[in-house]
């Protein structure tokens, strides 16, 4: 693949902590090491993260001055982002947009605006959503509108792929099927929807070589303390496990709205010495928390991939998880015990895991080596680059085709989003007149990693010389 200028767009990025944030950063870093130019566009975090910032290894981040409404997501506005977007894309000579996360308004808007500039688009979905509640219905329709004209979609698991295809209606009728015949699943063609899993840096999650299994078994939970993460299951199950196994203790890291219920459960059952609540855990401290335990417990009600479980398995822990979403795809069956998302079955799976660990049937070092061979950012980057290459070589859709595909969204949604598309085009033409491209302050020199290392080395030598003279 030739050198390409890529813009990652998402509401969720550093300094926030999470799976999407780390995915964007690690993918960008690996693309940069392979010679590509990568920038990130996200919203600001006043007062420190505003304007343009640089992250190692030469990743430029544009922090757009947009306020957030909830969970670090900005308010969907469709048009306010266009002046910023147009200027950044032009001045950085971007040829491909990679948007992330279904709940990111900036990602949806970036896909909408990019076609006006002739920039190709890729979208990565990191989550699973339902179909029967108001929030999911609204989100699914917004995702369907955003992905109606996207060039390629990436999902982190096969379950996530099925979920995204259904939510966004990413179906194409096979050419040999008559237009008046009902579609069957075997006649669906989704050539532009790919599955590329998440990954981790295995060297950061090595098991503790000095760890020795004792009579006390520590169960580690590192998660956002929210309903979707199944914290209610943890609240119901932890007292039963402590009562049945006197040698078991819990180590819980994370913060969220369910922290109060965990505190109340601990007080009610007098388990202050058996359940330790660590509060928020920094990314650099996750490994130090994981290696204190033997079992990792995940009680999520929905999970597209579950990178926390992969990190725990890499650190040598035996994993217990609810059988939801893409979780069954991530680890071999001898490294994880599954449970249905209900109290009794979680207790059963935990009992099985405690027996396996107590009998010494789980080898942390062997688990680390196996996970290390499964998930690698180099492989993820190579597969993503193949998607980019296919997109850049494909034929783009013209504006008339985009209008027709947008109108097919439905009787009500179609005209609404078609109006947004047309107004967006008119607003873009106005900006072309108001701020001509020749007046844009183009970037002439990009980040040169070799030159940066050379200058840093010269600076260090100069400082040493001054110290000798001083």
Foldseek 3Di string as FASTA:
>chain_A
DDAAAEEEEFLDEPPDDDDVHVQVVLLQQLSVVVPHHYEYEYAADPPPGAAWDADPPFYIYHHHDFDPDPPSAGDQDLAPCQVVLVLVCLQAVHQEYEYEELRHNRSLSNLLNQVLVNHAYEYEYFFAADCPDPVRVVSLLSLLLSPLAHLAYEYAFPLRLVRNCVSNVQFDAAPVDDPPDDDDPVRTDRPRYYHFHGFDDLVLQAADPPDDDDLAAEEEEEDAQDVQQLVVLVLLAVLVLCVVRVRYAYEYEHYYPCPVSNVVSCVVSVCPVRYHYDYHDDPSCLNVRLNVHAEYETLGPAGQECVVVLSSLLNQHQYEYEPHHRDVVQDDPVRYFYAHNDNVRSNVSVVVRVVCVVVPVGGRNVSNVVSVVVGDSNVSSVVVVVSVVVSVPDDHDDPVVSLVSLLVSDDPRSVVVSVSSVVSSVVVVVCCVVQPSVNRNHDDDGDDSVVVVVVVVVVVVVVVVVVVVD
